[in-house]
Amino acid sequence: MSIEIIYRVERPFAEGTIEVYGESDMGWYEWRILSRGEILADSGNAGYGSATIALRDGINADLEGTE
């Protein structure tokens, strides 16, 4: 069991990336927004069961301005 980056996409309207990370074998995922080496936002312990849903929510959080 190890935490891995599942998705990494460029932020659409700002510098940085949106990542989805988690443990595929355990079926849990989280998202985070990064810029210049800093974590701007993180889903914390939401415990998504789908990496794709976590990515969707990470993108939506970025568009809503969670910084």
PDB file of N, CA and C in Angstrom:
ATOM      1  N   MET A   1       0.846  -1.186   0.000  1.00  0.00           N
ATOM      2  CA  MET A   1       0.000   0.000   0.000  1.00  0.00           C
ATOM      3  C   MET A   1       0.886   1.241   0.000  1.00  0.00           C
ATOM      4  N   SER A   2       0.687   2.068  -1.003  1.00  0.00           N
ATOM      5  CA  SER A   2       1.402   3.327  -1.024  1.00  0.00           C
ATOM      6  C   SER A   2       0.528   4.378  -1.702  1.00  0.00           C
ATOM      7  N   ILE A   3       0.721   5.596  -1.279  1.00  0.00           N
ATOM      8  CA  ILE A   3      -0.029   6.700  -1.865  1.00  0.00           C
ATOM      9  C   ILE A   3       0.622   7.066  -3.190  1.00  0.00           C
ATOM     10  N   GLU A   4      -0.219   7.222  -4.220  1.00  0.00           N
ATOM     11  CA  GLU A   4       0.288   7.565  -5.541  1.00  0.00           C
ATOM     12  C   GLU A   4      -0.547   8.687  -6.140  1.00  0.00           C
ATOM     13  N   ILE A   5       0.053   9.392  -7.095  1.00  0.00           N
ATOM     14  CA  ILE A   5      -0.660  10.417  -7.845  1.00  0.00           C
ATOM     15  C   ILE A   5      -1.408   9.710  -8.970  1.00  0.00           C
ATOM     16  N   ILE A   6      -2.712   9.867  -8.997  1.00  0.00           N
ATOM     17  CA  ILE A   6      -3.546   9.222 -10.013  1.00  0.00           C
ATOM     18  C   ILE A   6      -3.709  10.142 -11.218  1.00  0.00           C
ATOM     19  N   TYR A   7      -4.041  11.411 -10.961  1.00  0.00           N
ATOM     20  CA  TYR A   7      -4.189  12.423 -12.010  1.00  0.00           C
ATOM     21  C   TYR A   7      -3.387  13.649 -11.629  1.00  0.00           C
ATOM     22  N   ARG A   8      -2.833  14.303 -12.627  1.00  0.00           N
ATOM     23  CA  ARG A   8      -2.195  15.615 -12.440  1.00  0.00           C
ATOM     24  C   ARG A   8      -2.531  16.433 -13.679  1.00  0.00           C
ATOM     25  N   VAL A   9      -3.293  17.516 -13.499  1.00  0.00           N
ATOM     26  CA  VAL A   9      -3.700  18.364 -14.615  1.00  0.00           C
ATOM     27  C   VAL A   9      -3.339  19.816 -14.311  1.00  0.00           C
ATOM     28  N   GLU A  10      -3.069  20.564 -15.356  1.00  0.00           N
ATOM     29  CA  GLU A  10      -2.790  21.983 -15.205  1.00  0.00           C
ATOM     30  C   GLU A  10      -4.063  22.714 -14.782  1.00  0.00           C
ATOM     31  N   ARG A  11      -3.902  23.705 -13.904  1.00  0.00           N
ATOM     32  CA  ARG A  11      -5.051  24.527 -13.525  1.00  0.00           C
ATOM     33  C   ARG A  11      -5.499  25.327 -14.745  1.00  0.00           C
ATOM     34  N   PRO A  12      -6.791  25.408 -15.015  1.00  0.00           N
ATOM     35  CA  PRO A  12      -7.245  26.049 -16.243  1.00  0.00           C
ATOM     36  C   PRO A  12      -7.035  27.562 -16.302  1.00  0.00           C
ATOM     37  N   PHE A  13      -7.106  28.264 -15.167  1.00  0.00           N
ATOM     38  CA  PHE A  13      -7.046  29.722 -15.205  1.00  0.00           C
ATOM     39  C   PHE A  13      -5.990  30.323 -14.286  1.00  0.00           C
ATOM     40  N   ALA A  14      -5.088  29.503 -13.767  1.00  0.00           N
ATOM     41  CA  ALA A  14      -4.055  29.998 -12.865  1.00  0.00           C
ATOM     42  C   ALA A  14      -2.835  29.080 -12.957  1.00  0.00           C
ATOM     43  N   GLU A  15      -1.738  29.557 -12.406  1.00  0.00           N
ATOM     44  CA  GLU A  15      -0.518  28.754 -12.392  1.00  0.00           C
ATOM     45  C   GLU A  15      -0.669  27.605 -11.399  1.00  0.00           C
ATOM     46  N   GLY A  16      -0.155  26.447 -11.761  1.00  0.00           N
ATOM     47  CA  GLY A  16      -0.153  25.319 -10.846  1.00  0.00           C
ATOM     48  C   GLY A  16      -0.881  24.109 -11.405  1.00  0.00           C
ATOM     49  N   THR A  17      -1.111  23.143 -10.523  1.00  0.00           N
ATOM     50  CA  THR A  17      -1.730  21.888 -10.925  1.00  0.00           C
ATOM     51  C   THR A  17      -2.808  21.457  -9.928  1.00  0.00           C
ATOM     52  N   ILE A  18      -3.657  20.585 -10.403  1.00  0.00           N
ATOM     53  CA  ILE A  18      -4.636  19.903  -9.557  1.00  0.00           C
ATOM     54  C   ILE A  18      -4.245  18.431  -9.592  1.00  0.00           C
ATOM     55  N   GLU A  19      -4.068  17.858  -8.430  1.00  0.00           N
ATOM     56  CA  GLU A  19      -3.692  16.449  -8.341  1.00  0.00           C
ATOM     57  C   GLU A  19      -4.759  15.662  -7.610  1.00  0.00           C
ATOM     58  N   VAL A  20      -4.920  14.433  -8.049  1.00  0.00           N
ATOM     59  CA  VAL A  20      -5.714  13.453  -7.304  1.00  0.00           C
ATOM     60  C   VAL A  20      -4.727  12.385  -6.854  1.00  0.00           C
ATOM     61  N   TYR A  21      -4.732  12.114  -5.577  1.00  0.00           N
ATOM     62  CA  TYR A  21      -3.799  11.134  -5.013  1.00  0.00           C
ATOM     63  C   TYR A  21      -4.576  10.164  -4.135  1.00  0.00           C
ATOM     64  N   GLY A  22      -3.978   9.041  -3.861  1.00  0.00           N
ATOM     65  CA  GLY A  22      -4.629   8.084  -2.988  1.00  0.00           C
ATOM     66  C   GLY A  22      -4.036   6.699  -3.101  1.00  0.00           C
ATOM     67  N   GLU A  23      -4.779   5.740  -2.613  1.00  0.00           N
ATOM     68  CA  GLU A  23      -4.367   4.344  -2.638  1.00  0.00           C
ATOM     69  C   GLU A  23      -5.384   3.559  -3.462  1.00  0.00           C
ATOM     70  N   SER A  24      -5.000   3.204  -4.661  1.00  0.00           N
ATOM     71  CA  SER A  24      -5.906   2.485  -5.557  1.00  0.00           C
ATOM     72  C   SER A  24      -6.347   1.149  -4.974  1.00  0.00           C
ATOM     73  N   ASP A  25      -5.430   0.445  -4.318  1.00  0.00           N
ATOM     74  CA  ASP A  25      -5.788  -0.851  -3.771  1.00  0.00           C
ATOM     75  C   ASP A  25      -6.769  -0.751  -2.603  1.00  0.00           C
ATOM     76  N   MET A  26      -6.823   0.397  -1.960  1.00  0.00           N
ATOM     77  CA  MET A  26      -7.766   0.614  -0.858  1.00  0.00           C
ATOM     78  C   MET A  26      -9.022   1.344  -1.332  1.00  0.00           C
ATOM     79  N   GLY A  27      -8.969   1.903  -2.544  1.00  0.00           N
ATOM     80  CA  GLY A  27     -10.132   2.581  -3.101  1.00  0.00           C
ATOM     81  C   GLY A  27     -10.462   3.912  -2.460  1.00  0.00           C
ATOM     82  N   TRP A  28      -9.437   4.684  -2.027  1.00  0.00           N
ATOM     83  CA  TRP A  28      -9.711   6.029  -1.519  1.00  0.00           C
ATOM     84  C   TRP A  28      -8.811   7.028  -2.228  1.00  0.00           C
ATOM     85  N   TYR A  29      -9.378   8.226  -2.444  1.00  0.00           N
ATOM     86  CA  TYR A  29      -8.689   9.270  -3.197  1.00  0.00           C
ATOM     87  C   TYR A  29      -9.011  10.634  -2.603  1.00  0.00           C
ATOM     88  N   GLU A  30      -8.112  11.563  -2.781  1.00  0.00           N
ATOM     89  CA  GLU A  30      -8.275  12.955  -2.365  1.00  0.00           C
ATOM     90  C   GLU A  30      -7.766  13.850  -3.492  1.00  0.00           C
ATOM     91  N   TRP A  31      -8.136  15.120  -3.465  1.00  0.00           N
ATOM     92  CA  TRP A  31      -7.604  16.076  -4.430  1.00  0.00           C
ATOM     93  C   TRP A  31      -6.860  17.178  -3.691  1.00  0.00           C
ATOM     94  N   ARG A  32      -5.944  17.833  -4.415  1.00  0.00           N
ATOM     95  CA  ARG A  32      -5.252  19.002  -3.875  1.00  0.00           C
ATOM     96  C   ARG A  32      -4.892  19.934  -5.024  1.00  0.00           C
ATOM     97  N   ILE A  33      -4.825  21.214  -4.702  1.00  0.00           N
ATOM     98  CA  ILE A  33      -4.448  22.245  -5.662  1.00  0.00           C
ATOM     99  C   ILE A  33      -3.092  22.777  -5.232  1.00  0.00           C
ATOM    100  N   LEU A  34      -2.138  22.754  -6.169  1.00  0.00           N
ATOM    101  CA  LEU A  34      -0.772  23.170  -5.871  1.00  0.00           C
ATOM    102  C   LEU A  34      -0.338  24.318  -6.773  1.00  0.00           C
ATOM    103  N   SER A  35       0.484  25.196  -6.213  1.00  0.00           N
ATOM    104  CA  SER A  35       1.093  26.268  -6.989  1.00  0.00           C
ATOM    105  C   SER A  35       2.399  26.656  -6.325  1.00  0.00           C
ATOM    106  N   ARG A  36       3.462  26.686  -7.134  1.00  0.00           N
ATOM    107  CA  ARG A  36       4.794  27.087  -6.651  1.00  0.00           C
ATOM    108  C   ARG A  36       5.241  26.302  -5.420  1.00  0.00           C
ATOM    109  N   GLY A  37       4.940  25.019  -5.407  1.00  0.00           N
ATOM    110  CA  GLY A  37       5.375  24.158  -4.316  1.00  0.00           C
ATOM    111  C   GLY A  37       4.520  24.225  -3.062  1.00  0.00           C
ATOM    112  N   GLU A  38       3.439  24.988  -3.092  1.00  0.00           N
ATOM    113  CA  GLU A  38       2.559  25.102  -1.936  1.00  0.00           C
ATOM    114  C   GLU A  38       1.225  24.428  -2.212  1.00  0.00           C
ATOM    115  N   ILE A  39       0.650  23.849  -1.188  1.00  0.00           N
ATOM    116  CA  ILE A  39      -0.694  23.300  -1.292  1.00  0.00           C
ATOM    117  C   ILE A  39      -1.670  24.431  -0.974  1.00  0.00           C
ATOM    118  N   LEU A  40      -2.457  24.821  -1.977  1.00  0.00           N
ATOM    119  CA  LEU A  40      -3.415  25.907  -1.803  1.00  0.00           C
ATOM    120  C   LEU A  40      -4.728  25.412  -1.209  1.00  0.00           C
ATOM    121  N   ALA A  41      -5.095  24.195  -1.555  1.00  0.00           N
ATOM    122  CA  ALA A  41      -6.334  23.594  -1.038  1.00  0.00           C
ATOM    123  C   ALA A  41      -6.195  22.081  -1.111  1.00  0.00           C
ATOM    124  N   ASP A  42      -6.887  21.395  -0.223  1.00  0.00           N
ATOM    125  CA  ASP A  42      -6.829  19.934  -0.162  1.00  0.00           C
ATOM    126  C   ASP A  42      -8.181  19.432   0.341  1.00  0.00           C
ATOM    127  N   SER A  43      -8.634  18.336  -0.226  1.00  0.00           N
ATOM    128  CA  SER A  43      -9.928  17.802   0.205  1.00  0.00           C
ATOM    129  C   SER A  43      -9.863  17.178   1.594  1.00  0.00           C
ATOM    130  N   GLY A  44      -8.667  17.069   2.145  1.00  0.00           N
ATOM    131  CA  GLY A  44      -8.534  16.559   3.511  1.00  0.00           C
ATOM    132  C   GLY A  44      -8.831  15.084   3.601  1.00  0.00           C
ATOM    133  N   ASN A  45      -9.795  14.746   4.391  1.00  0.00           N
ATOM    134  CA  ASN A  45     -10.161  13.343   4.597  1.00  0.00           C
ATOM    135  C   ASN A  45     -11.533  13.031   4.026  1.00  0.00           C
ATOM    136  N   ALA A  46     -11.822  13.549   2.842  1.00  0.00           N
ATOM    137  CA  ALA A  46     -13.130  13.299   2.226  1.00  0.00           C
ATOM    138  C   ALA A  46     -13.307  11.823   1.887  1.00  0.00           C
ATOM    139  N   GLY A  47     -12.214  11.147   1.528  1.00  0.00           N
ATOM    140  CA  GLY A  47     -12.274   9.723   1.252  1.00  0.00           C
ATOM    141  C   GLY A  47     -13.113   9.358   0.049  1.00  0.00           C
ATOM    142  N   TYR A  48     -12.839   9.984  -1.079  1.00  0.00           N
ATOM    143  CA  TYR A  48     -13.574   9.664  -2.309  1.00  0.00           C
ATOM    144  C   TYR A  48     -13.350   8.200  -2.684  1.00  0.00           C
ATOM    145  N   GLY A  49     -14.372   7.563  -3.167  1.00  0.00           N
ATOM    146  CA  GLY A  49     -14.270   6.190  -3.646  1.00  0.00           C
ATOM    147  C   GLY A  49     -13.938   6.106  -5.122  1.00  0.00           C
ATOM    148  N   SER A  50     -13.890   7.267  -5.793  1.00  0.00           N
ATOM    149  CA  SER A  50     -13.606   7.330  -7.226  1.00  0.00           C
ATOM    150  C   SER A  50     -12.610   8.438  -7.495  1.00  0.00           C
ATOM    151  N   ALA A  51     -11.513   8.110  -8.181  1.00  0.00           N
ATOM    152  CA  ALA A  51     -10.512   9.113  -8.529  1.00  0.00           C
ATOM    153  C   ALA A  51     -11.093  10.152  -9.477  1.00  0.00           C
ATOM    154  N   THR A  52     -11.982   9.730 -10.358  1.00  0.00           N
ATOM    155  CA  THR A  52     -12.582  10.654 -11.324  1.00  0.00           C
ATOM    156  C   THR A  52     -13.489  11.670 -10.641  1.00  0.00           C
ATOM    157  N   ILE A  53     -14.244  11.239  -9.655  1.00  0.00           N
ATOM    158  CA  ILE A  53     -15.101  12.159  -8.907  1.00  0.00           C
ATOM    159  C   ILE A  53     -14.246  13.129  -8.096  1.00  0.00           C
ATOM    160  N   ALA A  54     -13.160  12.643  -7.527  1.00  0.00           N
ATOM    161  CA  ALA A  54     -12.243  13.527  -6.798  1.00  0.00           C
ATOM    162  C   ALA A  54     -11.664  14.579  -7.740  1.00  0.00           C
ATOM    163  N   LEU A  55     -11.298  14.189  -8.955  1.00  0.00           N
ATOM    164  CA  LEU A  55     -10.776  15.151  -9.929  1.00  0.00           C
ATOM    165  C   LEU A  55     -11.837  16.188 -10.273  1.00  0.00           C
ATOM    166  N   ARG A  56     -13.049  15.750 -10.517  1.00  0.00           N
ATOM    167  CA  ARG A  56     -14.145  16.679 -10.816  1.00  0.00           C
ATOM    168  C   ARG A  56     -14.300  17.708  -9.700  1.00  0.00           C
ATOM    169  N   ASP A  57     -14.309  17.242  -8.457  1.00  0.00           N
ATOM    170  CA  ASP A  57     -14.494  18.151  -7.328  1.00  0.00           C
ATOM    171  C   ASP A  57     -13.291  19.074  -7.138  1.00  0.00           C
ATOM    172  N   GLY A  58     -12.091  18.570  -7.418  1.00  0.00           N
ATOM    173  CA  GLY A  58     -10.904  19.422  -7.343  1.00  0.00           C
ATOM    174  C   GLY A  58     -10.943  20.551  -8.369  1.00  0.00           C
ATOM    175  N   ILE A  59     -11.349  20.225  -9.580  1.00  0.00           N
ATOM    176  CA  ILE A  59     -11.478  21.248 -10.625  1.00  0.00           C
ATOM    177  C   ILE A  59     -12.561  22.250 -10.239  1.00  0.00           C
ATOM    178  N   ASN A  60     -13.694  21.764  -9.761  1.00  0.00           N
ATOM    179  CA  ASN A  60     -14.772  22.667  -9.338  1.00  0.00           C
ATOM    180  C   ASN A  60     -14.332  23.566  -8.195  1.00  0.00           C
ATOM    181  N   ALA A  61     -13.609  23.022  -7.235  1.00  0.00           N
ATOM    182  CA  ALA A  61     -13.113  23.829  -6.108  1.00  0.00           C
ATOM    183  C   ALA A  61     -12.169  24.912  -6.608  1.00  0.00           C
ATOM    184  N   ASP A  62     -11.330  24.580  -7.565  1.00  0.00           N
ATOM    185  CA  ASP A  62     -10.402  25.567  -8.130  1.00  0.00           C
ATOM    186  C   ASP A  62     -11.171  26.668  -8.840  1.00  0.00           C
ATOM    187  N   LEU A  63     -12.177  26.301  -9.613  1.00  0.00           N
ATOM    188  CA  LEU A  63     -12.966  27.288 -10.338  1.00  0.00           C
ATOM    189  C   LEU A  63     -13.784  28.180  -9.407  1.00  0.00           C
ATOM    190  N   GLU A  64     -14.141  27.638  -8.246  1.00  0.00           N
ATOM    191  CA  GLU A  64     -14.896  28.422  -7.260  1.00  0.00           C
ATOM    192  C   GLU A  64     -13.993  29.315  -6.425  1.00  0.00           C
ATOM    193  N   GLY A  65     -12.675  29.139  -6.555  1.00  0.00           N
ATOM    194  CA  GLY A  65     -11.730  30.004  -5.852  1.00  0.00           C
ATOM    195  C   GLY A  65     -11.514  29.665  -4.404  1.00  0.00           C
ATOM    196  N   THR A  66     -10.995  28.475  -4.148  1.00  0.00           N
ATOM    197  CA  THR A  66     -10.769  28.037  -2.770  1.00  0.00           C
ATOM    198  C   THR A  66      -9.464  28.547  -2.186  1.00  0.00           C
ATOM    199  N   GLU A  67      -8.735  29.378  -2.916  1.00  0.00           N
ATOM    200  CA  GLU A  67      -7.430  29.848  -2.413  1.00  0.00           C
ATOM    201  C   GLU A  67      -7.602  30.769  -1.227  1.00  0.00           C
TER     202      GLU A  67
END
